[in-house]
Amino acid sequence: MTTILDLIRHGEPEGGPMFRGSKDDPLSEQGWQQMQAAIASTDHWDAIVSSPMARCQRFAETLSEQRSIPLHIEHELREIGFGEWEGLTAEQVEEAYGDRLNRFWQDPINFIPPGGEPVPDFYDRVIHSIHHWQDKLSGQKVLVVCHGGVIRMALADVLGIPLEKSFTGFAVPYACRSRIQIDQSEFGLFRSVISHQP
C-alpha cells in the first residue's frame, strides 16, 4: 500500500516577510497567485489536511470546494511560535537582539527566540500529527497545506536530518511543494522524499 503526502507551503501573506509564527495574517493577492500557480489542473488528491492559520486554511477551503475534496483542519500543523520575534523582520530582530538571530539559525535547539516554542517540542507535535494523518488516510494521496517550519520538520524526520540543521538544510520558499511517499508492505514501512521543488 502506498500513501502520498504532498506538502505545500502557503504563499506570501499580507505584510510581507517577517517572523510570523502564530500571527494570523491572510494571504496577499500575490500569495493567492503563488498558490494557484503551484497547483496544476492535473493534480489529484483524495483529501486535504490544513493548518488552521488563515494563510493556509482559506486556500485549502477554496481548493476543497472547487474540487470537492474532503478537508481536515489540523491544529498541530500550525507554525512554530517565535515568541518576542513575531511580527518582526530579520533586520528588526538583528537590530533589537544582536547576534541571537544568527545563533538561532546555527543552533535552533539552544538559541530559541525569547518566549518562543522549543524546536524539539515543535518537532514532536508536527511529526505526531503527520504520522496520525499518514495512518488515518493510509493508501490515499493527500495535500498538506502548511508552513515552512512544518515542512522542514517533516523532511528532517524522513531524511534523518539532525534538528540542529533542520532550519538551514534546505530552502522552503512560498508555495514550495515537497512529496513524501510511504510504502507499506510485508517487509515493513519505507518512507522517502520523492521531490522537493522550491
C-alpha atoms as a PDB file:
ATOM      1  CA  MET A   1       0.000   0.000   0.000  1.00  0.00           C
ATOM      2  CA  THR A   2       1.303   3.452  -0.942  1.00  0.00           C
ATOM      3  CA  THR A   3       0.398   6.767   0.682  1.00  0.00           C
ATOM      4  CA  ILE A   4       1.437  10.086  -0.880  1.00  0.00           C
ATOM      5  CA  LEU A   5       1.780  13.277   1.156  1.00  0.00           C
ATOM      6  CA  ASP A   6       2.179  16.433  -0.927  1.00  0.00           C
ATOM      7  CA  LEU A   7       3.228  19.219   1.418  1.00  0.00           C
ATOM      8  CA  ILE A   8       2.843  22.784   0.169  1.00  0.00           C
ATOM      9  CA  ARG A   9       3.891  25.922   1.986  1.00  0.00           C
ATOM     10  CA  HIS A  10       1.430  28.826   1.976  1.00  0.00           C
ATOM     11  CA  GLY A  11       2.043  31.779  -0.356  1.00  0.00           C
ATOM     12  CA  GLU A  12       3.136  35.263   0.679  1.00  0.00           C
ATOM     13  CA  PRO A  13       0.967  36.655   3.497  1.00  0.00           C
ATOM     14  CA  GLU A  14      -0.137  40.262   3.812  1.00  0.00           C
ATOM     15  CA  GLY A  15       2.628  42.294   5.429  1.00  0.00           C
ATOM     16  CA  GLY A  16       5.445  40.553   3.572  1.00  0.00           C
ATOM     17  CA  PRO A  17       8.384  38.596   5.029  1.00  0.00           C
ATOM     18  CA  MET A  18       8.647  38.567   8.825  1.00  0.00           C
ATOM     19  CA  PHE A  19       8.753  36.133  11.718  1.00  0.00           C
ATOM     20  CA  ARG A  20       5.067  35.327  11.642  1.00  0.00           C
ATOM     21  CA  GLY A  21       4.641  32.140  13.677  1.00  0.00           C
ATOM     22  CA  SER A  22       1.212  32.360  15.290  1.00  0.00           C
ATOM     23  CA  LYS A  23       0.485  35.825  13.844  1.00  0.00           C
ATOM     24  CA  ASP A  24      -2.563  35.061  11.735  1.00  0.00           C
ATOM     25  CA  ASP A  25      -2.192  37.142   8.566  1.00  0.00           C
ATOM     26  CA  PRO A  26      -4.148  36.097   5.448  1.00  0.00           C
ATOM     27  CA  LEU A  27      -2.577  35.590   2.046  1.00  0.00           C
ATOM     28  CA  SER A  28      -1.781  38.675  -0.002  1.00  0.00           C
ATOM     29  CA  GLU A  29      -3.001  38.922  -3.582  1.00  0.00           C
ATOM     30  CA  GLN A  30       0.443  37.748  -4.699  1.00  0.00           C
ATOM     31  CA  GLY A  31       0.230  34.880  -2.203  1.00  0.00           C
ATOM     32  CA  TRP A  32      -3.029  33.682  -3.780  1.00  0.00           C
ATOM     33  CA  GLN A  33      -1.405  33.849  -7.217  1.00  0.00           C
ATOM     34  CA  GLN A  34       1.595  31.848  -5.982  1.00  0.00           C
ATOM     35  CA  MET A  35      -0.663  29.111  -4.613  1.00  0.00           C
ATOM     36  CA  GLN A  36      -2.829  28.948  -7.733  1.00  0.00           C
ATOM     37  CA  ALA A  37       0.294  28.723  -9.914  1.00  0.00           C
ATOM     38  CA  ALA A  38       1.671  25.866  -7.783  1.00  0.00           C
ATOM     39  CA  ILE A  39      -1.433  23.693  -8.247  1.00  0.00           C
ATOM     40  CA  ALA A  40      -1.926  22.079 -11.665  1.00  0.00           C
ATOM     41  CA  SER A  41      -5.220  21.031 -13.219  1.00  0.00           C
ATOM     42  CA  THR A  42      -3.749  17.505 -13.448  1.00  0.00           C
ATOM     43  CA  ASP A  43      -3.102  17.310  -9.691  1.00  0.00           C
ATOM     44  CA  HIS A  44      -5.404  14.862  -7.931  1.00  0.00           C
ATOM     45  CA  TRP A  45      -5.833  14.363  -4.182  1.00  0.00           C
ATOM     46  CA  ASP A  46      -8.203  12.234  -2.133  1.00  0.00           C
ATOM     47  CA  ALA A  47      -8.035  14.538   0.896  1.00  0.00           C
ATOM     48  CA  ILE A  48      -6.624  17.864   2.100  1.00  0.00           C
ATOM     49  CA  VAL A  49      -5.160  18.452   5.559  1.00  0.00           C
ATOM     50  CA  SER A  50      -4.514  22.080   6.520  1.00  0.00           C
ATOM     51  CA  SER A  51      -3.010  24.179   9.261  1.00  0.00           C
ATOM     52  CA  PRO A  52      -5.687  26.331  10.953  1.00  0.00           C
ATOM     53  CA  MET A  53      -3.780  29.557  10.188  1.00  0.00           C
ATOM     54  CA  ALA A  54      -5.619  31.860   7.747  1.00  0.00           C
ATOM     55  CA  ARG A  55      -2.700  31.861   5.280  1.00  0.00           C
ATOM     56  CA  CYS A  56      -3.209  28.096   4.865  1.00  0.00           C
ATOM     57  CA  GLN A  57      -6.817  27.321   5.704  1.00  0.00           C
ATOM     58  CA  ARG A  58      -8.504  29.805   3.366  1.00  0.00           C
ATOM     59  CA  PHE A  59      -6.696  28.456   0.321  1.00  0.00           C
ATOM     60  CA  ALA A  60      -7.348  24.867   1.455  1.00  0.00           C
ATOM     61  CA  GLU A  61     -11.075  25.653   1.838  1.00  0.00           C
ATOM     62  CA  THR A  62     -11.213  27.193  -1.648  1.00  0.00           C
ATOM     63  CA  LEU A  63      -9.461  24.206  -3.253  1.00  0.00           C
ATOM     64  CA  SER A  64     -11.622  21.760  -1.301  1.00  0.00           C
ATOM     65  CA  GLU A  65     -14.795  23.451  -2.566  1.00  0.00           C
ATOM     66  CA  GLN A  66     -13.573  23.783  -6.160  1.00  0.00           C
ATOM     67  CA  ARG A  67     -12.582  20.128  -6.460  1.00  0.00           C
ATOM     68  CA  SER A  68     -14.943  18.505  -3.930  1.00  0.00           C
ATOM     69  CA  ILE A  69     -12.069  17.118  -1.844  1.00  0.00           C
ATOM     70  CA  PRO A  70     -12.629  16.350   1.878  1.00  0.00           C
ATOM     71  CA  LEU A  71     -10.843  18.879   4.118  1.00  0.00           C
ATOM     72  CA  HIS A  72      -9.422  18.256   7.593  1.00  0.00           C
ATOM     73  CA  ILE A  73      -8.132  21.121   9.777  1.00  0.00           C
ATOM     74  CA  GLU A  74      -5.200  20.087  11.967  1.00  0.00           C
ATOM     75  CA  HIS A  75      -4.205  22.453  14.779  1.00  0.00           C
ATOM     76  CA  GLU A  76      -0.918  20.648  15.422  1.00  0.00           C
ATOM     77  CA  LEU A  77       0.333  21.729  11.966  1.00  0.00           C
ATOM     78  CA  ARG A  78       0.467  25.439  12.841  1.00  0.00           C
ATOM     79  CA  GLU A  79       3.835  27.175  12.518  1.00  0.00           C
ATOM     80  CA  ILE A  80       6.437  27.287  15.295  1.00  0.00           C
ATOM     81  CA  GLY A  81       5.886  30.102  17.798  1.00  0.00           C
ATOM     82  CA  PHE A  82       8.602  32.770  17.536  1.00  0.00           C
ATOM     83  CA  GLY A  83       7.823  34.471  20.850  1.00  0.00           C
ATOM     84  CA  GLU A  84       9.073  38.075  21.035  1.00  0.00           C
ATOM     85  CA  TRP A  85      10.222  37.958  17.407  1.00  0.00           C
ATOM     86  CA  GLU A  86       6.712  37.577  15.983  1.00  0.00           C
ATOM     87  CA  GLY A  87       5.779  40.424  13.672  1.00  0.00           C
ATOM     88  CA  LEU A  88       9.426  41.497  13.265  1.00  0.00           C
ATOM     89  CA  THR A  89      11.560  41.319  10.130  1.00  0.00           C
ATOM     90  CA  ALA A  90      15.010  39.710  10.245  1.00  0.00           C
ATOM     91  CA  GLU A  91      16.538  43.205  10.179  1.00  0.00           C
ATOM     92  CA  GLN A  92      14.432  44.306  13.159  1.00  0.00           C
ATOM     93  CA  VAL A  93      15.390  41.177  15.110  1.00  0.00           C
ATOM     94  CA  GLU A  94      19.090  41.784  14.442  1.00  0.00           C
ATOM     95  CA  GLU A  95      18.722  45.421  15.480  1.00  0.00           C
ATOM     96  CA  ALA A  96      16.949  44.559  18.727  1.00  0.00           C
ATOM     97  CA  TYR A  97      18.587  41.239  19.646  1.00  0.00           C
ATOM     98  CA  GLY A  98      22.097  41.427  18.160  1.00  0.00           C
ATOM     99  CA  ASP A  99      23.559  38.124  17.019  1.00  0.00           C
ATOM    100  CA  ARG A 100      20.773  36.000  18.538  1.00  0.00           C
ATOM    101  CA  LEU A 101      19.174  35.548  15.116  1.00  0.00           C
ATOM    102  CA  ASN A 102      22.381  34.134  13.627  1.00  0.00           C
ATOM    103  CA  ARG A 103      22.800  31.916  16.670  1.00  0.00           C
ATOM    104  CA  PHE A 104      19.232  30.644  16.222  1.00  0.00           C
ATOM    105  CA  TRP A 105      19.907  29.676  12.590  1.00  0.00           C
ATOM    106  CA  GLN A 106      23.141  27.938  13.593  1.00  0.00           C
ATOM    107  CA  ASP A 107      21.729  26.165  16.662  1.00  0.00           C
ATOM    108  CA  PRO A 108      17.920  26.393  16.970  1.00  0.00           C
ATOM    109  CA  ILE A 109      17.959  23.872  19.816  1.00  0.00           C
ATOM    110  CA  ASN A 110      19.876  26.066  22.264  1.00  0.00           C
ATOM    111  CA  PHE A 111      19.103  29.569  20.962  1.00  0.00           C
ATOM    112  CA  ILE A 112      15.331  29.866  20.676  1.00  0.00           C
ATOM    113  CA  PRO A 113      13.701  33.314  20.434  1.00  0.00           C
ATOM    114  CA  PRO A 114      12.708  34.753  23.847  1.00  0.00           C
ATOM    115  CA  GLY A 115       9.332  33.263  24.703  1.00  0.00           C
ATOM    116  CA  GLY A 116       9.457  31.062  21.597  1.00  0.00           C
ATOM    117  CA  GLU A 117       8.451  27.442  21.203  1.00  0.00           C
ATOM    118  CA  PRO A 118      11.356  24.992  21.736  1.00  0.00           C
ATOM    119  CA  VAL A 119      12.262  23.282  18.462  1.00  0.00           C
ATOM    120  CA  PRO A 120      12.105  19.743  19.931  1.00  0.00           C
ATOM    121  CA  ASP A 121       8.534  20.444  21.139  1.00  0.00           C
ATOM    122  CA  PHE A 122       7.616  21.793  17.684  1.00  0.00           C
ATOM    123  CA  TYR A 123       9.172  18.744  16.005  1.00  0.00           C
ATOM    124  CA  ASP A 124       7.302  16.348  18.297  1.00  0.00           C
ATOM    125  CA  ARG A 125       3.860  17.888  17.667  1.00  0.00           C
ATOM    126  CA  VAL A 126       4.394  18.145  13.896  1.00  0.00           C
ATOM    127  CA  ILE A 127       5.688  14.585  13.483  1.00  0.00           C
ATOM    128  CA  HIS A 128       2.983  13.152  15.749  1.00  0.00           C
ATOM    129  CA  SER A 129       0.392  14.912  13.555  1.00  0.00           C
ATOM    130  CA  ILE A 130       1.992  13.828  10.254  1.00  0.00           C
ATOM    131  CA  HIS A 131       2.106  10.203  11.416  1.00  0.00           C
ATOM    132  CA  HIS A 132      -1.514  10.410  12.600  1.00  0.00           C
ATOM    133  CA  TRP A 133      -2.759  11.559   9.183  1.00  0.00           C
ATOM    134  CA  GLN A 134      -0.427   9.161   7.384  1.00  0.00           C
ATOM    135  CA  ASP A 135      -2.174   6.319   9.253  1.00  0.00           C
ATOM    136  CA  LYS A 136      -5.708   7.761   9.111  1.00  0.00           C
ATOM    137  CA  LEU A 137      -5.529   8.408   5.348  1.00  0.00           C
ATOM    138  CA  SER A 138      -3.422   5.369   4.524  1.00  0.00           C
ATOM    139  CA  GLY A 139      -3.398   4.440   0.841  1.00  0.00           C
ATOM    140  CA  GLN A 140      -4.587   7.888  -0.249  1.00  0.00           C
ATOM    141  CA  LYS A 141      -2.996  10.852  -1.969  1.00  0.00           C
ATOM    142  CA  VAL A 142      -3.091  13.783   0.448  1.00  0.00           C
ATOM    143  CA  LEU A 143      -2.333  17.505   0.086  1.00  0.00           C
ATOM    144  CA  VAL A 144      -0.993  19.083   3.296  1.00  0.00           C
ATOM    145  CA  VAL A 145      -1.240  22.904   3.302  1.00  0.00           C
ATOM    146  CA  CYS A 146       1.159  24.143   5.940  1.00  0.00           C
ATOM    147  CA  HIS A 147       4.241  26.213   6.812  1.00  0.00           C
ATOM    148  CA  GLY A 148       7.947  26.343   6.081  1.00  0.00           C
ATOM    149  CA  GLY A 149       8.838  25.144   9.567  1.00  0.00           C
ATOM    150  CA  VAL A 150       6.377  22.243   9.354  1.00  0.00           C
ATOM    151  CA  ILE A 151       7.844  21.094   6.027  1.00  0.00           C
ATOM    152  CA  ARG A 152      11.362  21.322   7.465  1.00  0.00           C
ATOM    153  CA  MET A 153      10.359  19.078  10.382  1.00  0.00           C
ATOM    154  CA  ALA A 154       8.643  16.548   8.091  1.00  0.00           C
ATOM    155  CA  LEU A 155      11.639  16.315   5.751  1.00  0.00           C
ATOM    156  CA  ALA A 156      14.095  16.178   8.655  1.00  0.00           C
ATOM    157  CA  ASP A 157      12.135  13.232  10.033  1.00  0.00           C
ATOM    158  CA  VAL A 158      12.210  11.257   6.772  1.00  0.00           C
ATOM    159  CA  LEU A 159      15.802  12.144   5.863  1.00  0.00           C
ATOM    160  CA  GLY A 160      17.234  11.797   9.379  1.00  0.00           C
ATOM    161  CA  ILE A 161      18.493  15.391   9.455  1.00  0.00           C
ATOM    162  CA  PRO A 162      19.542  16.477  12.971  1.00  0.00           C
ATOM    163  CA  LEU A 163      17.242  19.118  14.440  1.00  0.00           C
ATOM    164  CA  GLU A 164      20.245  21.428  14.778  1.00  0.00           C
ATOM    165  CA  LYS A 165      20.436  21.560  10.961  1.00  0.00           C
ATOM    166  CA  SER A 166      16.723  21.381  10.206  1.00  0.00           C
ATOM    167  CA  PHE A 167      16.203  25.131   9.667  1.00  0.00           C
ATOM    168  CA  THR A 168      19.187  25.676   7.365  1.00  0.00           C
ATOM    169  CA  GLY A 169      19.434  22.366   5.480  1.00  0.00           C
ATOM    170  CA  PHE A 170      17.176  23.359   2.564  1.00  0.00           C
ATOM    171  CA  ALA A 171      15.158  26.289   1.231  1.00  0.00           C
ATOM    172  CA  VAL A 172      11.362  26.298   1.602  1.00  0.00           C
ATOM    173  CA  PRO A 173      10.082  29.395  -0.247  1.00  0.00           C
ATOM    174  CA  TYR A 174       6.440  30.420  -0.576  1.00  0.00           C
ATOM    175  CA  ALA A 175       4.266  27.825  -2.377  1.00  0.00           C
ATOM    176  CA  CYS A 176       7.125  25.295  -2.340  1.00  0.00           C
ATOM    177  CA  ARG A 177       5.987  21.684  -2.814  1.00  0.00           C
ATOM    178  CA  SER A 178       7.517  18.529  -1.329  1.00  0.00           C
ATOM    179  CA  ARG A 179       6.362  14.940  -1.808  1.00  0.00           C
ATOM    180  CA  ILE A 180       6.784  12.153   0.723  1.00  0.00           C
ATOM    181  CA  GLN A 181       5.899   8.600  -0.281  1.00  0.00           C
ATOM    182  CA  ILE A 182       5.088   5.945   2.326  1.00  0.00           C
ATOM    183  CA  ASP A 183       5.157   2.328   1.148  1.00  0.00           C
ATOM    184  CA  GLN A 184       3.790  -0.322   3.490  1.00  0.00           C
ATOM    185  CA  SER A 185       4.349  -3.989   2.703  1.00  0.00           C
ATOM    186  CA  GLU A 186       5.049  -7.323   4.366  1.00  0.00           C
ATOM    187  CA  PHE A 187       8.654  -6.139   4.664  1.00  0.00           C
ATOM    188  CA  GLY A 188       7.748  -3.090   6.761  1.00  0.00           C
ATOM    189  CA  LEU A 189       7.321   0.662   6.308  1.00  0.00           C
ATOM    190  CA  PHE A 190       9.506   2.563   3.841  1.00  0.00           C
ATOM    191  CA  ARG A 191       9.301   6.369   3.691  1.00  0.00           C
ATOM    192  CA  SER A 192      11.123   8.504   1.141  1.00  0.00           C
ATOM    193  CA  VAL A 193      11.253  12.071  -0.149  1.00  0.00           C
ATOM    194  CA  ILE A 194      10.295  11.863  -3.826  1.00  0.00           C
ATOM    195  CA  SER A 195      10.638  15.555  -4.684  1.00  0.00           C
ATOM    196  CA  HIS A 196      11.284  18.993  -3.218  1.00  0.00           C
ATOM    197  CA  GLN A 197      10.514  21.901  -5.544  1.00  0.00           C
ATOM    198  CA  PRO A 198      11.442  25.371  -4.212  1.00  0.00           C
END
